[in-house]
Each structure stands twice: as C-alpha cells, then as structure tokens.
Protein backbone atom coordinates (compact mmCIF):
# COMPACT_ATOMS: atom_id res chain seq x y z
CA UNK A 1 100.89 89.33 80.14
CA UNK A 2 97.30 88.42 79.43
CA UNK A 3 97.06 85.41 77.14
CA UNK A 4 94.65 83.01 75.46
CA UNK A 5 94.80 80.04 73.10
CA UNK A 6 91.84 81.40 71.08
CA UNK A 7 93.26 83.28 68.08
CA UNK A 8 89.82 84.83 67.47
CA UNK A 9 90.13 87.04 70.57
CA UNK A 10 91.55 90.45 69.75
CA UNK A 11 94.21 92.47 71.51
CA UNK A 12 92.75 94.26 74.51
CA UNK A 13 93.13 97.78 75.84
CA UNK A 14 93.88 98.53 79.47
CA UNK A 15 90.30 99.49 80.30
CA UNK A 16 88.99 96.22 78.81
CA UNK A 17 91.36 94.11 80.92
CA UNK A 18 90.40 96.12 84.01
CA UNK A 19 86.71 95.58 83.27
CA UNK A 20 87.24 91.83 82.68
CA UNK A 21 89.07 91.34 85.95
CA UNK A 22 86.58 93.46 87.91
CA UNK A 23 83.67 91.39 86.60
CA UNK A 24 82.13 94.22 84.61
CA UNK A 25 82.85 92.64 81.23
CA UNK A 26 82.40 88.98 80.36
CA UNK A 27 82.77 89.09 76.57
CA UNK A 28 85.46 90.15 74.13
CA UNK A 29 83.83 91.38 70.91
CA UNK A 30 80.78 89.20 71.54
CA UNK A 31 82.75 86.09 72.56
CA UNK A 32 82.06 84.99 76.14
CA UNK A 33 85.27 84.53 78.12
CA UNK A 34 86.30 82.58 81.19
CA UNK A 35 89.05 84.00 83.40
CA UNK A 36 91.88 82.16 85.11
CA UNK A 37 93.49 83.30 88.35
CA UNK A 38 96.87 82.28 89.72
CA UNK A 39 96.95 80.63 93.17
CA UNK A 40 96.45 82.79 96.27
CA UNK A 41 100.09 82.13 97.22
CA UNK A 42 101.44 83.62 93.97
CA UNK A 43 103.28 86.92 94.25
CA UNK A 44 102.47 87.45 90.54
CA UNK A 45 98.78 87.44 91.47
CA UNK A 46 99.46 90.17 94.02
CA UNK A 47 101.52 92.15 91.47
CA UNK A 48 98.84 91.79 88.78
CA UNK A 49 96.00 93.12 90.92
CA UNK A 50 98.06 95.90 92.48
CA UNK A 51 99.61 97.03 89.17
CA UNK A 52 96.54 96.85 86.97
CA UNK A 53 93.67 97.50 89.37
CA UNK A 54 95.36 99.12 92.36
CA UNK A 55 93.71 96.50 94.58
CA UNK A 56 95.00 93.76 96.82
CA UNK A 57 94.03 90.15 96.12
CA UNK A 58 91.80 90.17 99.23
CA UNK A 59 89.99 93.28 97.95
CA UNK A 60 89.51 91.53 94.60
CA UNK A 61 88.16 88.42 96.35
CA UNK A 62 85.56 90.62 98.04
CA UNK A 63 84.63 92.24 94.72
CA UNK A 64 84.30 88.83 93.05
CA UNK A 65 82.26 87.44 95.95
CA UNK A 66 79.79 90.30 95.53
CA UNK A 67 79.68 89.88 91.72
CA UNK A 68 79.21 86.11 92.00
CA UNK A 69 76.53 86.35 94.70
CA UNK A 70 74.53 88.86 92.66
CA UNK A 71 74.80 86.63 89.57
CA UNK A 72 76.46 89.39 87.55
CA UNK A 73 79.70 87.53 86.90
CA UNK A 74 81.57 84.29 87.43
CA UNK A 75 84.75 84.64 89.50
CA UNK A 76 88.03 83.67 87.82
CA UNK A 77 89.01 80.01 88.17
CA UNK A 78 91.97 79.66 90.53
CA UNK A 79 94.49 77.09 89.29
CA UNK A 80 96.14 74.89 91.90
CA UNK A 81 99.75 75.68 91.14
CA UNK A 82 101.71 78.31 89.28
CA UNK A 83 103.24 76.32 86.47
CA UNK A 84 103.27 76.42 82.69
CA UNK A 85 101.75 72.92 82.68
CA UNK A 86 98.79 74.00 84.84
CA UNK A 87 98.23 77.12 82.72
CA UNK A 88 98.34 75.15 79.45
CA UNK A 89 95.98 72.49 80.85
CA UNK A 90 93.43 75.09 81.95
CA UNK A 91 93.59 77.09 78.70
CA UNK A 92 93.27 73.96 76.54
CA UNK A 93 90.12 72.96 78.47
CA UNK A 94 88.59 76.46 78.31
CA UNK A 95 88.28 77.44 74.65
CA UNK A 96 87.70 81.13 75.38
CA UNK A 97 89.90 81.16 78.46
CA UNK A 98 91.90 84.25 79.34
CA UNK A 99 94.78 84.20 81.81
CA UNK A 100 97.32 86.64 83.20
CA UNK A 101 100.75 85.09 83.59
CA UNK A 102 104.31 86.21 84.19
CA UNK A 103 106.35 86.35 80.98
CA UNK A 104 108.45 83.30 81.87
CA UNK A 105 105.29 81.14 82.02
CA UNK A 106 103.80 82.17 78.66
CA UNK A 107 103.35 78.99 76.57
CA UNK A 108 104.83 79.02 73.06
CA UNK A 109 101.48 78.65 71.30
CA UNK A 110 99.65 81.29 73.36
CA UNK A 111 98.35 84.54 71.92
CA UNK A 112 99.31 87.59 73.97
CA UNK A 113 96.29 89.87 74.02
CA UNK A 114 97.61 92.40 76.53
CA UNK A 115 101.02 93.44 77.84
CA UNK A 116 100.93 94.64 81.43
CA UNK A 117 102.90 97.84 81.89
CA UNK A 118 104.83 97.77 85.14
C-alpha cells in the first residue's frame, strides 16, 4: 500500500504512483511530495519495484542516481529499518511524505492513497 499522513493528498492512480517512484512526478495535485523507501534488505522493497515498475531495486537505484545527478528529482529517503515505528517517525517528520509499506505495517492513522495490485 502507498500511504501518507497528509489527508489533503488524494487517492492516486497506478500511472501516478509509477511516475512518482520513477522520479518523473514530484507533486500530487500541486502539493510537493517526499518519498520514503524501505531498506535495501527488505524483500517488500524488491516486491514493490518488481510488481509496480517491473524493475529490480538495483535498476531503480541507477534510475534515481541519474535523476538526482541531473537535478530533476530527489531520490526517496531510505529508512534504516523496516518497522512501523520507523515508518511513523519518518511520515510525522515529512508533512507531505509518501511511503509504500506492506499491509501489516500500515499505521492506524495513515491514509491509504494507493492499493498495490499483486
């Protein structure tokens, strides 16, 4: 699931989530967003990129390196560990933060803006 704590961000369509996580979109309806990434060791990270974008995490790292170097986009922030506490902490400190998380780690007060179809 793709979540946020900002209730002003609207539900997203598949192409919008793809564009966000490929660095081609940095706003949702005019609101600038900041993306969160799960740790490199997370199998959910691998599943997310393969399911949604048909890319491996290493391919996505290369895409983000190119986007960041060119100044076109800011790479997602990688949290240190895959826990509900870490996700909540990051989202609370990033007002327009957007994160993909497995369903068992979705905080109670989060707004689900996209359901990943597996």
